[in-house]
Structures are given as C-alpha cells and as structure tokens.
C-alpha atoms as a PDB file:
ATOM      1  CA  UNK A   1     -21.161  29.407 -30.406  1.00  0.00           C
ATOM      2  CA  UNK A   2     -18.083  27.211 -30.796  1.00  0.00           C
ATOM      3  CA  UNK A   3     -16.862  29.434 -33.714  1.00  0.00           C
ATOM      4  CA  UNK A   4     -16.862  32.503 -31.493  1.00  0.00           C
ATOM      5  CA  UNK A   5     -14.969  30.689 -28.728  1.00  0.00           C
ATOM      6  CA  UNK A   6     -12.445  29.362 -31.273  1.00  0.00           C
ATOM      7  CA  UNK A   7     -12.027  32.844 -32.666  1.00  0.00           C
ATOM      8  CA  UNK A   8     -11.389  34.375 -29.308  1.00  0.00           C
ATOM      9  CA  UNK A   9      -8.962  31.515 -28.407  1.00  0.00           C
ATOM     10  CA  UNK A  10      -7.004  32.129 -31.670  1.00  0.00           C
ATOM     11  CA  UNK A  11      -6.921  35.835 -31.082  1.00  0.00           C
ATOM     12  CA  UNK A  12      -5.736  35.383 -27.428  1.00  0.00           C
ATOM     13  CA  UNK A  13      -3.061  32.909 -28.651  1.00  0.00           C
ATOM     14  CA  UNK A  14      -1.849  35.256 -31.340  1.00  0.00           C
ATOM     15  CA  UNK A  15      -1.645  38.214 -29.077  1.00  0.00           C
ATOM     16  CA  UNK A  16       0.173  36.235 -26.378  1.00  0.00           C
ATOM     17  CA  UNK A  17       2.611  34.958 -28.943  1.00  0.00           C
ATOM     18  CA  UNK A  18       3.278  38.494 -30.319  1.00  0.00           C
ATOM     19  CA  UNK A  19       3.749  39.969 -26.799  1.00  0.00           C
ATOM     20  CA  UNK A  20       6.088  37.110 -25.795  1.00  0.00           C
ATOM     21  CA  UNK A  21       8.216  37.610 -28.840  1.00  0.00           C
ATOM     22  CA  UNK A  22       8.243  41.409 -28.409  1.00  0.00           C
ATOM     23  CA  UNK A  23       9.544  41.123 -24.922  1.00  0.00           C
ATOM     24  CA  UNK A  24      12.123  38.608 -25.906  1.00  0.00           C
ATOM     25  CA  UNK A  25      13.385  40.696 -28.845  1.00  0.00           C
ATOM     26  CA  UNK A  26      12.901  44.093 -27.320  1.00  0.00           C
ATOM     27  CA  UNK A  27      13.364  43.979 -23.528  1.00  0.00           C
ATOM     28  CA  UNK A  28      11.698  46.795 -21.687  1.00  0.00           C
ATOM     29  CA  UNK A  29       8.909  47.296 -24.275  1.00  0.00           C
ATOM     30  CA  UNK A  30       5.349  48.062 -23.086  1.00  0.00           C
ATOM     31  CA  UNK A  31       2.153  46.994 -24.707  1.00  0.00           C
ATOM     32  CA  UNK A  32      -1.491  47.730 -24.178  1.00  0.00           C
ATOM     33  CA  UNK A  33      -4.653  47.187 -26.222  1.00  0.00           C
ATOM     34  CA  UNK A  34      -6.353  50.088 -27.887  1.00  0.00           C
ATOM     35  CA  UNK A  35      -9.580  50.297 -29.935  1.00  0.00           C
ATOM     36  CA  UNK A  36      -9.160  48.924 -33.421  1.00  0.00           C
ATOM     37  CA  UNK A  37      -9.003  51.575 -36.174  1.00  0.00           C
ATOM     38  CA  UNK A  38     -10.682  49.709 -38.992  1.00  0.00           C
ATOM     39  CA  UNK A  39     -11.347  46.079 -39.447  1.00  0.00           C
ATOM     40  CA  UNK A  40      -8.580  44.604 -37.326  1.00  0.00           C
ATOM     41  CA  UNK A  41      -9.409  42.012 -34.690  1.00  0.00           C
ATOM     42  CA  UNK A  42      -7.275  43.956 -32.173  1.00  0.00           C
ATOM     43  CA  UNK A  43      -4.815  46.896 -32.120  1.00  0.00           C
ATOM     44  CA  UNK A  44      -1.875  47.041 -29.779  1.00  0.00           C
ATOM     45  CA  UNK A  45      -0.038  50.216 -28.739  1.00  0.00           C
ATOM     46  CA  UNK A  46       3.621  49.272 -28.372  1.00  0.00           C
ATOM     47  CA  UNK A  47       5.850  51.706 -26.458  1.00  0.00           C
ATOM     48  CA  UNK A  48       9.580  51.276 -27.175  1.00  0.00           C
ATOM     49  CA  UNK A  49      12.307  52.248 -24.719  1.00  0.00           C
ATOM     50  CA  UNK A  50      14.863  54.785 -25.900  1.00  0.00           C
ATOM     51  CA  UNK A  51      17.478  52.160 -26.874  1.00  0.00           C
ATOM     52  CA  UNK A  52      15.328  50.888 -29.757  1.00  0.00           C
ATOM     53  CA  UNK A  53      14.373  52.762 -32.941  1.00  0.00           C
ATOM     54  CA  UNK A  54      10.644  52.802 -33.373  1.00  0.00           C
ATOM     55  CA  UNK A  55      11.141  52.143 -37.103  1.00  0.00           C
ATOM     56  CA  UNK A  56      12.958  48.847 -36.338  1.00  0.00           C
ATOM     57  CA  UNK A  57      10.340  47.761 -33.887  1.00  0.00           C
ATOM     58  CA  UNK A  58       7.555  48.492 -36.278  1.00  0.00           C
ATOM     59  CA  UNK A  59       9.196  46.653 -39.167  1.00  0.00           C
ATOM     60  CA  UNK A  60       9.739  43.704 -36.929  1.00  0.00           C
ATOM     61  CA  UNK A  61       6.095  43.919 -35.693  1.00  0.00           C
ATOM     62  CA  UNK A  62       4.721  44.035 -39.204  1.00  0.00           C
ATOM     63  CA  UNK A  63       6.581  40.876 -40.144  1.00  0.00           C
ATOM     64  CA  UNK A  64       5.551  39.116 -36.973  1.00  0.00           C
ATOM     65  CA  UNK A  65       1.829  40.145 -37.432  1.00  0.00           C
ATOM     66  CA  UNK A  66       1.864  38.828 -40.968  1.00  0.00           C
ATOM     67  CA  UNK A  67       3.114  35.514 -39.727  1.00  0.00           C
ATOM     68  CA  UNK A  68       0.493  35.449 -36.975  1.00  0.00           C
ATOM     69  CA  UNK A  69      -2.254  36.279 -39.429  1.00  0.00           C
ATOM     70  CA  UNK A  70      -1.245  33.320 -41.490  1.00  0.00           C
ATOM     71  CA  UNK A  71      -1.101  31.014 -38.471  1.00  0.00           C
ATOM     72  CA  UNK A  72      -4.126  32.115 -36.587  1.00  0.00           C
ATOM     73  CA  UNK A  73      -6.319  33.887 -39.223  1.00  0.00           C
ATOM     74  CA  UNK A  74      -6.517  37.029 -37.045  1.00  0.00           C
ATOM     75  CA  UNK A  75      -5.590  40.686 -37.876  1.00  0.00           C
ATOM     76  CA  UNK A  76      -3.465  42.498 -35.395  1.00  0.00           C
ATOM     77  CA  UNK A  77      -2.538  46.218 -35.891  1.00  0.00           C
ATOM     78  CA  UNK A  78       0.669  47.156 -34.132  1.00  0.00           C
ATOM     79  CA  UNK A  79       0.921  50.928 -33.209  1.00  0.00           C
ATOM     80  CA  UNK A  80       4.557  51.657 -32.291  1.00  0.00           C
ATOM     81  CA  UNK A  81       5.466  54.776 -30.215  1.00  0.00           C
ATOM     82  CA  UNK A  82       8.728  55.908 -28.815  1.00  0.00           C
ATOM     83  CA  UNK A  83       8.819  56.203 -24.922  1.00  0.00           C
ATOM     84  CA  UNK A  84       9.390  59.813 -23.848  1.00  0.00           C
END
C-alpha cells in the first residue's frame, strides 16, 4: 500500500512542478487533466494564449516532462493546443 501512496505522491509532485513552471514561463496558460492515451501516468491538455506559439510551448513541455520523468519516475503526456 505504501508503494501506491508513494506513486501518487510522486505523480502529484511532478504535475504540480510542471504546472508551476508552465505558469511561470507562459503566463495565461490553462491546464486540465484528460484521459491518458496509452501508458502515461497522466495526460495534461495545455491551452496556450495567442501570444505564444504552440510549437514553442510543446517543445518546452517535452523537455520539462523528460526532466520530471527522470526526477519522479512518472510519465506525463503534454497535449498543447492554441487558444481560439
């Protein structure tokens, strides 16, 4: 049972860190969880304001998620969309 709790804590910490860094680097961004597509621990839909290119946000997210995977051993899928 401790393992499941530790896994959830690691996932929560990783997601919190990702969202904090996203808001710091891309003010006005919106995030929400969505159903994972494959074997990810969690998937996040990330909606960018018009002043940011989705490609730039996606590239940043990929680098950040790789770092968080190494740190927390969790797999986060960022799904970046442009705000309409």
